[in-house]
N, C-alpha and C. Protein backbone atom coordinates (compact mmCIF):
# COMPACT_ATOMS: atom_id res chain seq x y z
N UNK A 1 81.09 101.71 94.66
CA UNK A 1 82.49 101.52 94.35
C UNK A 1 82.87 102.34 93.12
N UNK A 2 82.01 102.35 92.12
CA UNK A 2 82.28 103.12 90.91
C UNK A 2 82.50 104.59 91.24
N UNK A 3 81.69 105.12 92.12
CA UNK A 3 81.81 106.53 92.51
C UNK A 3 83.11 106.78 93.27
N UNK A 4 83.52 105.82 94.09
CA UNK A 4 84.78 105.94 94.82
C UNK A 4 85.96 106.03 93.87
N UNK A 5 85.98 105.18 92.86
CA UNK A 5 87.07 105.19 91.89
C UNK A 5 87.08 106.52 91.13
N UNK A 6 85.90 107.00 90.74
CA UNK A 6 85.82 108.29 90.04
C UNK A 6 86.32 109.43 90.93
N UNK A 7 85.97 109.40 92.20
CA UNK A 7 86.40 110.42 93.15
C UNK A 7 87.91 110.45 93.30
N UNK A 8 88.54 109.30 93.22
CA UNK A 8 89.99 109.22 93.34
C UNK A 8 90.67 109.67 92.05
N UNK A 9 90.15 109.25 90.91
CA UNK A 9 90.83 109.45 89.63
C UNK A 9 90.64 110.85 89.05
N UNK A 10 89.45 111.40 89.11
CA UNK A 10 89.17 112.68 88.43
C UNK A 10 90.10 113.82 88.85
N UNK A 11 90.45 113.98 90.13
CA UNK A 11 91.38 115.07 90.47
C UNK A 11 92.81 114.85 89.95
N UNK A 12 93.16 113.63 89.58
CA UNK A 12 94.50 113.32 89.11
C UNK A 12 94.72 113.68 87.64
N UNK A 13 93.66 113.72 86.86
CA UNK A 13 93.79 113.83 85.41
C UNK A 13 93.51 115.24 84.90
N UNK A 14 93.99 115.51 83.68
CA UNK A 14 93.74 116.79 83.03
C UNK A 14 92.41 116.81 82.28
N UNK A 15 91.88 115.64 81.97
CA UNK A 15 90.62 115.52 81.23
C UNK A 15 89.63 114.69 82.04
N UNK A 16 89.07 115.27 83.12
CA UNK A 16 88.15 114.49 83.97
C UNK A 16 86.87 114.06 83.26
N UNK A 17 86.49 114.79 82.21
CA UNK A 17 85.28 114.43 81.48
C UNK A 17 85.45 113.14 80.69
N UNK A 18 86.70 112.73 80.45
CA UNK A 18 86.97 111.51 79.68
C UNK A 18 87.06 110.26 80.57
N UNK A 19 86.96 110.42 81.87
CA UNK A 19 87.03 109.27 82.77
C UNK A 19 85.75 108.46 82.66
N UNK A 20 85.91 107.17 82.38
CA UNK A 20 84.74 106.29 82.25
C UNK A 20 85.05 104.97 82.92
N UNK A 21 84.07 104.44 83.64
CA UNK A 21 84.23 103.17 84.34
C UNK A 21 83.10 102.25 83.91
N UNK A 22 83.48 101.10 83.35
CA UNK A 22 82.51 100.08 82.97
C UNK A 22 82.59 98.96 84.00
N UNK A 23 81.44 98.47 84.42
CA UNK A 23 81.38 97.41 85.43
C UNK A 23 80.87 96.14 84.79
N UNK A 24 81.59 95.05 85.01
CA UNK A 24 81.16 93.73 84.56
C UNK A 24 81.15 92.81 85.76
N UNK A 25 80.03 92.15 85.97
CA UNK A 25 79.90 91.30 87.15
C UNK A 25 79.58 89.87 86.73
N UNK A 26 80.29 88.92 87.34
CA UNK A 26 80.01 87.50 87.13
C UNK A 26 79.68 86.88 88.49
N UNK A 27 79.57 85.56 88.54
CA UNK A 27 79.26 84.87 89.79
C UNK A 27 80.35 85.07 90.83
N UNK A 28 81.61 85.14 90.38
CA UNK A 28 82.73 85.20 91.31
C UNK A 28 83.47 86.53 91.35
N UNK A 29 83.34 87.35 90.30
CA UNK A 29 84.14 88.58 90.25
C UNK A 29 83.30 89.79 89.88
N UNK A 30 83.81 90.94 90.29
CA UNK A 30 83.31 92.23 89.84
C UNK A 30 84.50 92.93 89.20
N UNK A 31 84.38 93.26 87.92
CA UNK A 31 85.48 93.87 87.18
C UNK A 31 85.14 95.31 86.83
N UNK A 32 86.00 96.23 87.24
CA UNK A 32 85.85 97.65 86.92
C UNK A 32 86.90 98.00 85.88
N UNK A 33 86.47 98.44 84.69
CA UNK A 33 87.39 98.82 83.63
C UNK A 33 87.42 100.33 83.58
N UNK A 34 88.55 100.88 84.00
CA UNK A 34 88.74 102.33 84.06
C UNK A 34 89.42 102.78 82.78
N UNK A 35 88.78 103.69 82.06
CA UNK A 35 89.40 104.26 80.87
C UNK A 35 89.50 105.77 81.05
N UNK A 36 90.65 106.30 80.66
CA UNK A 36 90.92 107.74 80.76
C UNK A 36 91.45 108.22 79.42
N UNK A 37 91.55 109.53 79.26
CA UNK A 37 92.14 110.12 78.06
C UNK A 37 93.57 109.62 77.93
N UNK A 38 94.01 109.40 76.71
CA UNK A 38 95.34 108.82 76.48
C UNK A 38 96.45 109.67 77.10
N UNK A 39 96.28 110.99 77.14
CA UNK A 39 97.29 111.87 77.74
C UNK A 39 97.40 111.68 79.25
N UNK A 40 96.36 111.13 79.87
CA UNK A 40 96.33 110.96 81.32
C UNK A 40 96.72 109.57 81.79
N UNK A 41 97.02 108.67 80.89
CA UNK A 41 97.36 107.29 81.28
C UNK A 41 98.54 107.25 82.25
N UNK A 42 99.57 108.01 81.97
CA UNK A 42 100.76 108.01 82.84
C UNK A 42 100.45 108.53 84.23
N UNK A 43 99.55 109.50 84.34
CA UNK A 43 99.20 110.04 85.64
C UNK A 43 98.43 109.03 86.48
N UNK A 44 97.59 108.25 85.83
CA UNK A 44 96.77 107.27 86.55
C UNK A 44 97.61 106.05 86.94
N UNK A 45 98.55 105.68 86.08
CA UNK A 45 99.40 104.53 86.38
C UNK A 45 100.50 104.93 87.36
N UNK A 46 101.14 106.06 87.15
CA UNK A 46 102.19 106.54 88.04
C UNK A 46 103.51 105.84 87.82
N UNK A 47 104.54 106.33 88.47
CA UNK A 47 105.86 105.72 88.35
C UNK A 47 105.83 104.33 88.96
N UNK A 48 106.27 103.37 88.18
CA UNK A 48 106.32 101.97 88.58
C UNK A 48 104.96 101.45 89.05
N UNK A 49 103.88 102.07 88.57
CA UNK A 49 102.53 101.61 88.90
C UNK A 49 102.07 101.95 90.30
N UNK A 50 102.73 102.87 90.95
CA UNK A 50 102.39 103.18 92.35
C UNK A 50 101.01 103.79 92.51
N UNK A 51 100.63 104.70 91.61
CA UNK A 51 99.31 105.34 91.71
C UNK A 51 98.22 104.30 91.45
N UNK A 52 98.41 103.47 90.42
CA UNK A 52 97.43 102.42 90.12
C UNK A 52 97.28 101.47 91.30
N UNK A 53 98.38 101.10 91.91
CA UNK A 53 98.34 100.20 93.07
C UNK A 53 97.60 100.87 94.23
N UNK A 54 97.83 102.16 94.44
CA UNK A 54 97.14 102.88 95.52
C UNK A 54 95.64 102.94 95.26
N UNK A 55 95.25 103.18 93.99
CA UNK A 55 93.83 103.21 93.64
C UNK A 55 93.19 101.86 93.93
N UNK A 56 93.87 100.80 93.55
CA UNK A 56 93.35 99.44 93.80
C UNK A 56 93.24 99.16 95.29
N UNK A 57 94.25 99.56 96.05
CA UNK A 57 94.25 99.30 97.49
C UNK A 57 93.09 100.00 98.19
N UNK A 58 92.89 101.28 97.89
CA UNK A 58 91.81 102.05 98.52
C UNK A 58 90.46 101.49 98.09
N UNK A 59 90.33 101.17 96.81
CA UNK A 59 89.05 100.65 96.31
C UNK A 59 88.73 99.29 96.92
N UNK A 60 89.72 98.43 97.04
CA UNK A 60 89.48 97.11 97.61
C UNK A 60 89.13 97.20 99.08
N UNK A 61 89.68 98.18 99.78
CA UNK A 61 89.32 98.37 101.18
C UNK A 61 87.85 98.77 101.30
N UNK A 62 87.35 99.52 100.34
CA UNK A 62 85.95 99.92 100.33
C UNK A 62 85.02 98.76 100.05
N UNK A 63 85.50 97.72 99.41
CA UNK A 63 84.70 96.54 99.07
C UNK A 63 84.92 95.40 100.04
N UNK A 64 85.42 95.65 101.21
CA UNK A 64 85.81 94.57 102.12
C UNK A 64 84.67 93.63 102.49
N UNK A 65 83.43 94.07 102.40
CA UNK A 65 82.30 93.22 102.78
C UNK A 65 81.84 92.29 101.68
N UNK A 66 82.34 92.48 100.48
CA UNK A 66 81.91 91.66 99.35
C UNK A 66 82.63 90.32 99.33
N UNK A 67 81.91 89.27 98.96
CA UNK A 67 82.51 87.94 98.88
C UNK A 67 83.09 87.68 97.49
N UNK A 68 82.85 88.58 96.55
CA UNK A 68 83.35 88.42 95.19
C UNK A 68 84.73 89.07 95.06
N UNK A 69 85.54 88.53 94.17
CA UNK A 69 86.85 89.10 93.90
C UNK A 69 86.66 90.38 93.08
N UNK A 70 87.33 91.44 93.47
CA UNK A 70 87.22 92.71 92.77
C UNK A 70 88.48 92.93 91.95
N UNK A 71 88.29 93.28 90.67
CA UNK A 71 89.40 93.53 89.76
C UNK A 71 89.23 94.93 89.18
N UNK A 72 90.31 95.71 89.19
CA UNK A 72 90.29 97.04 88.59
C UNK A 72 91.32 97.05 87.47
N UNK A 73 90.86 97.26 86.25
CA UNK A 73 91.74 97.31 85.09
C UNK A 73 91.77 98.73 84.55
N UNK A 74 92.95 99.17 84.15
CA UNK A 74 93.10 100.46 83.50
C UNK A 74 93.30 100.16 82.02
N UNK A 75 92.34 100.59 81.21
CA UNK A 75 92.38 100.27 79.78
C UNK A 75 92.48 101.54 78.95
N UNK A 76 92.99 101.39 77.75
CA UNK A 76 93.12 102.50 76.82
C UNK A 76 91.83 102.62 76.02
N UNK A 77 91.41 103.82 75.74
CA UNK A 77 90.18 104.04 74.97
C UNK A 77 90.35 103.60 73.55
């Protein structure tokens, strides 16, 4: 899943080397914290959050077999 998110995000940003994904897993959830260069935050979020929503939708479809809730957060470095 981490690789899928990176594959989606890196072509969108101007600083692909700054893309970092931290994974935190608990009994019920898997949380992916996506951090990008501050200049690229708007590109990853998109107008009215459309790009972020699309990233979440595609990523969640890839995790359809998991019984844990998947959360993708976009955080500032």
